[in-house]
């Protein structure tokens, strides 16, 4: 364990992230669960705790959105072949009218990867219509796909994505700290992200510069970091907005390794585990990447996802283990893709510990 701690402390010293929480386990037990470093540096210094609450960014996509959609598929309310224009009426008459739910969920819709929607409008129906008029690109991983999926959940159920996912996923799995728009009463447990929206503000300069709001300037703590989610959708979106802990994400990982339950039936779990598309060298299931260079010594059956704020989850159905890695790599400033080269190292150090225990 000392070797692992030294590795993480070295990465903290090298500036990869101020702190992190790691939770590794199998389908029945925790192998180890550690917190190291700091949850915030600016304006105050706070130690990271095992129950620290993170903005998990794009991990919202599989945990809240993809699973919610699969619940609707299982209930017969929609199918993976449902055309999104039949649910989101704003898309009728646009190039995305016939795009299917499956294409959105597997990032094969050819909808662009990202756009600062808040420069176009802050009104939901106008935003959805605008996405439908955007020029098609080659199939890429797209936050906008999951923005639309979140709205599909809301239109079909008549509930917000927050309400539906809490009632049908998080509460039944006892994921008590997994929530959109967490209350201020949890402030001491929140992990800080960027100081202001400086990175996104700079990134969006290439687009229309029509400001419909005031940019955040202070350290972002307890508010979603993602600009589209925060400015356009009040913290609740299919692409981002979820807050959680390593322990809560471990509960979900165990559901997958155990093959499903009443929250997500076995046949629905298979949609998360099976390779359904192979595009530009990437294998994808519903909601997850499968295998590839980002898995270290885990098997090539591993499903995984990352979050922009510094989060990642790997679930290996062959080795029957999972690794949750949550960090605040965007605090106090964003360094894009800084964690990419060390993710396999993190995995391999975790596996070394498991072999010694």
Protein backbone atom coordinates (compact mmCIF):
# COMPACT_ATOMS: atom_id res chain seq x y z
CA UNK A 1 0.00 0.00 0.00
CA UNK A 2 2.96 2.30 0.70
CA UNK A 3 4.07 1.98 -2.94
CA UNK A 4 0.62 3.09 -4.11
CA UNK A 5 0.51 6.04 -1.70
CA UNK A 6 3.95 7.13 -2.85
CA UNK A 7 2.83 6.96 -6.49
CA UNK A 8 -0.26 9.11 -5.83
CA UNK A 9 1.66 11.58 -3.67
CA UNK A 10 4.24 11.87 -6.44
CA UNK A 11 1.50 12.72 -8.94
CA UNK A 12 0.08 15.30 -6.54
CA UNK A 13 3.54 16.86 -6.20
CA UNK A 14 3.91 16.88 -9.99
CA UNK A 15 0.65 18.82 -10.26
CA UNK A 16 -1.62 16.27 -11.90
CA UNK A 17 -4.31 16.86 -9.27
CA UNK A 18 -4.52 18.28 -5.72
CA UNK A 19 -6.19 15.15 -4.35
CA UNK A 20 -8.15 12.02 -5.13
CA UNK A 21 -10.28 9.18 -3.78
CA UNK A 22 -9.75 5.63 -5.05
CA UNK A 23 -12.16 2.77 -4.43
CA UNK A 24 -11.34 -0.70 -5.75
CA UNK A 25 -13.55 -3.71 -5.20
CA UNK A 26 -15.19 -6.84 -6.54
CA UNK A 27 -18.83 -7.83 -6.79
CA UNK A 28 -19.07 -8.51 -3.06
CA UNK A 29 -16.40 -6.57 -1.18
CA UNK A 30 -14.16 -3.53 -1.07
CA UNK A 31 -10.50 -4.31 -1.78
CA UNK A 32 -9.32 -0.88 -0.72
CA UNK A 33 -10.67 2.65 -0.37
CA UNK A 34 -8.33 5.61 0.11
CA UNK A 35 -8.36 9.41 0.11
CA UNK A 36 -5.18 11.40 -0.47
CA UNK A 37 -4.32 15.07 -0.90
CA UNK A 38 -6.67 18.03 -0.83
CA UNK A 39 -10.23 18.65 -1.98
CA UNK A 40 -9.60 22.38 -2.35
CA UNK A 41 -6.57 24.66 -2.53
CA UNK A 42 -8.06 28.05 -3.42
CA UNK A 43 -9.29 30.06 -1.57
CA UNK A 44 -8.92 27.65 1.37
CA UNK A 45 -7.07 24.38 1.85
CA UNK A 46 -9.22 21.36 2.76
CA UNK A 47 -8.20 17.73 3.10
CA UNK A 48 -9.71 15.11 0.84
CA UNK A 49 -11.95 12.60 2.65
CA UNK A 50 -13.24 9.19 1.59
CA UNK A 51 -16.79 10.58 1.58
CA UNK A 52 -15.91 13.72 -0.42
CA UNK A 53 -18.55 14.61 -3.01
CA UNK A 54 -17.32 15.18 -6.58
CA UNK A 55 -18.77 16.79 -9.66
CA UNK A 56 -18.44 13.66 -11.81
CA UNK A 57 -19.02 15.52 -15.08
CA UNK A 58 -19.50 13.12 -18.02
CA UNK A 59 -19.94 10.13 -15.74
CA UNK A 60 -23.47 11.56 -15.63
CA UNK A 61 -23.92 10.07 -19.11
CA UNK A 62 -23.80 6.37 -18.15
CA UNK A 63 -25.03 6.60 -14.55
CA UNK A 64 -28.01 8.91 -14.86
CA UNK A 65 -28.86 9.15 -18.54
CA UNK A 66 -28.02 5.81 -20.16
CA UNK A 67 -29.49 3.79 -17.29
CA UNK A 68 -32.63 5.96 -17.28
CA UNK A 69 -33.05 5.35 -21.01
CA UNK A 70 -32.58 1.60 -20.52
CA UNK A 71 -35.26 1.67 -17.82
CA UNK A 72 -37.61 3.25 -20.36
CA UNK A 73 -36.65 0.66 -22.98
CA UNK A 74 -37.26 -2.16 -20.51
CA UNK A 75 -40.69 -0.75 -19.66
CA UNK A 76 -41.64 -0.48 -23.33
CA UNK A 77 -42.04 3.30 -23.25
CA UNK A 78 -39.42 3.74 -25.99
CA UNK A 79 -37.07 1.51 -27.99
CA UNK A 80 -33.47 1.98 -29.04
CA UNK A 81 -34.78 2.45 -32.59
CA UNK A 82 -37.18 5.24 -31.61
CA UNK A 83 -36.58 8.31 -33.77
CA UNK A 84 -35.88 11.27 -31.53
CA UNK A 85 -38.06 13.59 -33.60
CA UNK A 86 -41.09 11.60 -32.45
CA UNK A 87 -40.39 12.67 -28.85
CA UNK A 88 -38.60 16.00 -29.18
CA UNK A 89 -41.01 17.81 -31.47
CA UNK A 90 -38.55 20.68 -31.88
CA UNK A 91 -36.44 18.35 -34.05
CA UNK A 92 -39.19 17.70 -36.57
CA UNK A 93 -38.16 19.01 -39.96
CA UNK A 94 -34.47 19.11 -38.99
CA UNK A 95 -31.65 16.82 -40.09
CA UNK A 96 -31.79 15.07 -36.72
CA UNK A 97 -35.50 14.20 -36.86
CA UNK A 98 -34.78 10.58 -37.86
CA UNK A 99 -31.75 10.12 -35.59
CA UNK A 100 -32.39 7.17 -33.27
CA UNK A 101 -32.00 6.80 -29.53
CA UNK A 102 -29.38 4.12 -30.24
CA UNK A 103 -27.31 6.54 -32.32
CA UNK A 104 -27.37 9.13 -29.57
CA UNK A 105 -26.39 6.60 -26.90
CA UNK A 106 -23.47 5.17 -28.89
CA UNK A 107 -22.21 8.50 -30.26
CA UNK A 108 -22.92 7.50 -33.86
CA UNK A 109 -25.39 10.31 -34.61
CA UNK A 110 -22.81 12.62 -36.27
CA UNK A 111 -24.00 15.48 -34.06
CA UNK A 112 -21.01 17.75 -33.25
CA UNK A 113 -19.04 17.05 -30.10
CA UNK A 114 -19.77 20.33 -28.33
CA UNK A 115 -21.09 23.85 -28.72
CA UNK A 116 -21.51 26.66 -26.18
CA UNK A 117 -25.30 26.50 -26.34
CA UNK A 118 -25.60 29.39 -23.89
CA UNK A 119 -24.42 31.76 -26.63
CA UNK A 120 -27.43 30.79 -28.74
CA UNK A 121 -30.22 30.71 -26.17
CA UNK A 122 -31.07 29.91 -22.57
CA UNK A 123 -34.52 28.59 -23.57
CA UNK A 124 -34.84 24.81 -23.76
CA UNK A 125 -36.97 24.48 -26.88
CA UNK A 126 -34.80 26.90 -28.85
CA UNK A 127 -31.68 25.00 -27.79
CA UNK A 128 -33.08 21.62 -28.86
CA UNK A 129 -34.15 23.03 -32.23
CA UNK A 130 -30.71 24.59 -32.68
CA UNK A 131 -28.95 21.26 -32.07
CA UNK A 132 -31.12 19.74 -34.79
CA UNK A 133 -29.98 22.34 -37.31
CA UNK A 134 -26.24 21.96 -36.64
CA UNK A 135 -24.11 20.71 -39.50
CA UNK A 136 -23.46 16.97 -39.34
CA UNK A 137 -19.89 15.83 -38.71
CA UNK A 138 -18.19 12.45 -38.61
CA UNK A 139 -19.34 10.32 -35.70
CA UNK A 140 -17.64 11.64 -32.57
CA UNK A 141 -18.11 11.43 -28.83
CA UNK A 142 -20.68 14.17 -28.28
CA UNK A 143 -21.98 15.89 -25.19
CA UNK A 144 -24.89 17.14 -27.30
CA UNK A 145 -26.07 13.55 -27.87
CA UNK A 146 -26.63 13.20 -24.15
CA UNK A 147 -28.18 16.63 -23.78
CA UNK A 148 -30.90 15.35 -26.11
CA UNK A 149 -31.16 12.01 -24.29
CA UNK A 150 -31.72 13.80 -21.00
CA UNK A 151 -34.57 15.73 -22.57
CA UNK A 152 -36.03 12.50 -23.97
CA UNK A 153 -36.17 11.06 -20.44
CA UNK A 154 -37.98 14.17 -19.25
CA UNK A 155 -40.50 14.30 -22.11
CA UNK A 156 -41.36 10.59 -21.90
CA UNK A 157 -41.70 10.44 -18.10
CA UNK A 158 -43.00 13.92 -17.32
CA UNK A 159 -40.31 14.17 -14.63
CA UNK A 160 -36.98 15.94 -14.54
CA UNK A 161 -33.92 13.77 -15.09
CA UNK A 162 -33.06 14.50 -11.46
CA UNK A 163 -36.43 13.19 -10.22
CA UNK A 164 -36.51 10.12 -12.44
CA UNK A 165 -32.93 8.99 -11.79
CA UNK A 166 -33.18 9.53 -8.04
CA UNK A 167 -36.42 7.56 -7.76
CA UNK A 168 -35.54 4.74 -10.16
CA UNK A 169 -31.76 4.37 -9.79
CA UNK A 170 -30.02 6.12 -6.93
CA UNK A 171 -32.44 5.56 -4.06
CA UNK A 172 -33.02 1.83 -4.83
CA UNK A 173 -29.23 1.35 -4.95
CA UNK A 174 -28.74 3.33 -1.71
CA UNK A 175 -26.60 5.86 -3.57
CA UNK A 176 -27.47 8.45 -0.94
CA UNK A 177 -24.87 11.02 -2.01
CA UNK A 178 -25.57 10.89 -5.75
CA UNK A 179 -27.59 13.92 -6.75
CA UNK A 180 -28.05 16.81 -9.14
CA UNK A 181 -27.82 20.28 -7.56
CA UNK A 182 -26.65 19.11 -4.11
CA UNK A 183 -27.71 21.26 -1.14
CA UNK A 184 -25.38 23.84 0.43
CA UNK A 185 -25.58 21.90 3.70
CA UNK A 186 -23.02 19.49 2.18
CA UNK A 187 -20.53 22.30 1.47
CA UNK A 188 -17.71 20.86 3.59
CA UNK A 189 -17.79 17.61 1.59
CA UNK A 190 -17.76 19.21 -1.87
CA UNK A 191 -14.61 18.92 -3.97
CA UNK A 192 -13.62 22.12 -5.76
CA UNK A 193 -13.25 22.36 -9.51
CA UNK A 194 -12.00 25.31 -11.56
CA UNK A 195 -11.57 28.89 -10.34
CA UNK A 196 -14.27 30.45 -12.51
CA UNK A 197 -15.17 29.13 -15.97
CA UNK A 198 -11.88 30.36 -17.42
CA UNK A 199 -11.19 27.36 -19.66
CA UNK A 200 -14.65 27.26 -21.21
CA UNK A 201 -14.71 31.03 -21.53
CA UNK A 202 -11.50 30.87 -23.57
CA UNK A 203 -12.67 27.85 -25.57
CA UNK A 204 -15.91 29.55 -26.56
CA UNK A 205 -14.23 32.65 -28.02
CA UNK A 206 -14.22 31.02 -31.45
CA UNK A 207 -18.02 31.02 -31.40
CA UNK A 208 -20.61 33.80 -31.33
CA UNK A 209 -19.79 36.20 -28.52
CA UNK A 210 -23.32 37.01 -27.42
CA UNK A 211 -23.21 36.89 -23.63
CA UNK A 212 -26.57 36.09 -22.04
CA UNK A 213 -25.22 35.81 -18.49
CA UNK A 214 -22.36 36.71 -16.17
CA UNK A 215 -19.43 34.27 -16.16
CA UNK A 216 -18.54 32.72 -12.83
CA UNK A 217 -15.32 34.10 -11.37
CA UNK A 218 -14.97 32.40 -7.97
CA UNK A 219 -13.86 28.84 -7.22
CA UNK A 220 -16.64 26.51 -8.33
CA UNK A 221 -17.70 24.39 -5.37
CA UNK A 222 -20.98 22.47 -5.21
CA UNK A 223 -22.11 23.80 -8.60
CA UNK A 224 -21.73 21.89 -11.84
CA UNK A 225 -18.57 22.91 -13.69
CA UNK A 226 -19.97 22.31 -17.20
CA UNK A 227 -21.17 25.55 -18.76
CA UNK A 228 -24.06 24.21 -20.83
CA UNK A 229 -25.45 22.32 -17.85
CA UNK A 230 -25.08 25.28 -15.50
CA UNK A 231 -26.13 28.20 -17.70
CA UNK A 232 -28.73 26.51 -19.94
CA UNK A 233 -30.25 23.74 -17.83
CA UNK A 234 -29.99 24.91 -14.21
CA UNK A 235 -27.61 22.12 -13.23
CA UNK A 236 -29.64 19.19 -14.61
CA UNK A 237 -28.62 17.75 -17.97
CA UNK A 238 -28.06 14.40 -19.62
CA UNK A 239 -24.42 15.17 -20.33
CA UNK A 240 -23.30 16.50 -16.94
CA UNK A 241 -24.47 17.76 -13.57
CA UNK A 242 -24.33 14.69 -11.36
CA UNK A 243 -22.44 14.74 -8.06
CA UNK A 244 -21.39 11.55 -6.30
CA UNK A 245 -18.89 9.75 -4.08
CA UNK A 246 -16.54 6.85 -4.72
CA UNK A 247 -18.64 4.64 -2.44
CA UNK A 248 -21.83 5.38 -4.36
CA UNK A 249 -20.21 4.66 -7.71
CA UNK A 250 -18.91 1.40 -6.24
CA UNK A 251 -22.52 0.39 -5.54
CA UNK A 252 -23.38 0.85 -9.19
CA UNK A 253 -20.27 -1.05 -10.31
CA UNK A 254 -21.30 -3.99 -8.13
CA UNK A 255 -24.73 -4.00 -9.75
CA UNK A 256 -23.01 -4.53 -13.11
CA UNK A 257 -20.63 -7.22 -11.81
CA UNK A 258 -23.51 -9.05 -10.12
CA UNK A 259 -25.37 -9.16 -13.42
CA UNK A 260 -28.24 -6.84 -12.58
CA UNK A 261 -31.23 -6.63 -10.26
CA UNK A 262 -34.59 -4.88 -10.11
CA UNK A 263 -32.97 -1.52 -10.90
CA UNK A 264 -31.42 -2.78 -14.12
CA UNK A 265 -32.40 -6.23 -15.32
CA UNK A 266 -29.78 -8.69 -16.63
CA UNK A 267 -30.79 -8.21 -20.26
CA UNK A 268 -30.38 -4.44 -19.85
CA UNK A 269 -26.97 -4.87 -18.18
CA UNK A 270 -25.84 -6.66 -21.34
CA UNK A 271 -26.38 -3.45 -23.31
CA UNK A 272 -23.72 -1.86 -21.08
CA UNK A 273 -21.28 -4.76 -21.49
CA UNK A 274 -21.59 -5.71 -25.18
CA UNK A 275 -19.68 -4.10 -28.03
CA UNK A 276 -22.40 -2.52 -30.17
CA UNK A 277 -20.36 -0.18 -32.37
CA UNK A 278 -16.79 0.05 -33.62
CA UNK A 279 -16.07 3.51 -34.99
CA UNK A 280 -12.69 5.17 -35.55
CA UNK A 281 -10.92 2.47 -33.58
CA UNK A 282 -13.20 2.69 -30.53
CA UNK A 283 -15.53 -0.03 -29.27
CA UNK A 284 -18.65 1.22 -27.50
CA UNK A 285 -21.58 -0.25 -25.65
CA UNK A 286 -24.56 1.73 -24.43
CA UNK A 287 -22.96 4.49 -22.38
CA UNK A 288 -19.40 3.14 -22.15
CA UNK A 289 -16.14 2.64 -24.00
CA UNK A 290 -14.92 -0.96 -24.11
CA UNK A 291 -11.25 -1.89 -23.82
CA UNK A 292 -8.50 0.08 -25.51
CA UNK A 293 -5.31 1.70 -24.29
CA UNK A 294 -6.99 3.37 -21.32
CA UNK A 295 -7.47 0.07 -19.47
CA UNK A 296 -3.93 -0.77 -18.41
CA UNK A 297 -3.72 -4.42 -17.37
CA UNK A 298 -7.47 -4.80 -17.08
CA UNK A 299 -9.08 -7.06 -19.67
CA UNK A 300 -10.23 -5.80 -23.05
CA UNK A 301 -13.80 -6.52 -21.94
CA UNK A 302 -13.56 -3.66 -19.43
CA UNK A 303 -16.22 -0.96 -19.74
CA UNK A 304 -15.13 2.50 -18.70
CA UNK A 305 -15.84 6.19 -18.80
CA UNK A 306 -14.11 9.37 -17.74
CA UNK A 307 -15.26 12.79 -16.58
CA UNK A 308 -13.69 16.13 -17.53
CA UNK A 309 -13.23 17.15 -13.90
CA UNK A 310 -10.75 14.30 -13.30
CA UNK A 311 -12.97 11.27 -12.70
CA UNK A 312 -12.93 7.75 -14.11
CA UNK A 313 -14.55 4.36 -13.58
CA UNK A 314 -13.46 0.97 -14.90
CA UNK A 315 -15.56 -2.21 -14.56
CA UNK A 316 -13.92 -5.46 -15.67
CA UNK A 317 -16.45 -8.31 -16.01
CA UNK A 318 -13.70 -10.90 -16.65
CA UNK A 319 -11.51 -10.10 -13.65
CA UNK A 320 -14.71 -9.22 -11.73
CA UNK A 321 -13.26 -6.05 -10.28
CA UNK A 322 -13.91 -2.33 -10.53
CA UNK A 323 -11.82 0.78 -9.94
CA UNK A 324 -13.29 4.18 -9.13
CA UNK A 325 -10.83 7.07 -9.41
CA UNK A 326 -12.14 10.52 -8.51
CA UNK A 327 -9.87 13.56 -8.56
CA UNK A 328 -10.05 17.33 -8.84
CA UNK A 329 -7.64 17.63 -11.79
CA UNK A 330 -9.32 20.86 -12.99
CA UNK A 331 -8.64 22.66 -9.69
CA UNK A 332 -7.53 25.39 -9.62
CA UNK A 333 -7.16 25.46 -13.40
CA UNK A 334 -7.90 23.21 -16.37
CA UNK A 335 -5.08 21.35 -18.13
CA UNK A 336 -6.91 19.37 -20.86
CA UNK A 337 -6.20 15.62 -20.94
CA UNK A 338 -3.58 15.87 -18.19
CA UNK A 339 -4.69 12.52 -16.71
CA UNK A 340 -4.74 10.54 -19.96
CA UNK A 341 -1.10 9.33 -19.81
CA UNK A 342 -1.28 8.26 -16.16
CA UNK A 343 -4.62 6.44 -16.12
CA UNK A 344 -3.06 3.07 -17.07
CA UNK A 345 -0.48 3.62 -14.32
CA UNK A 346 -3.24 4.22 -11.78
CA UNK A 347 -4.95 1.00 -12.85
CA UNK A 348 -1.75 -1.04 -12.72
CA UNK A 349 -0.85 0.24 -9.24
CA UNK A 350 -4.35 -0.72 -8.06
CA UNK A 351 -3.94 -4.22 -9.51
CA UNK A 352 -0.56 -4.56 -7.80
CA UNK A 353 -2.21 -3.85 -4.44
CA UNK A 354 -4.97 -6.39 -5.13
CA UNK A 355 -2.36 -9.07 -5.87
CA UNK A 356 -0.57 -8.46 -2.56
CA UNK A 357 -3.65 -8.48 -0.30
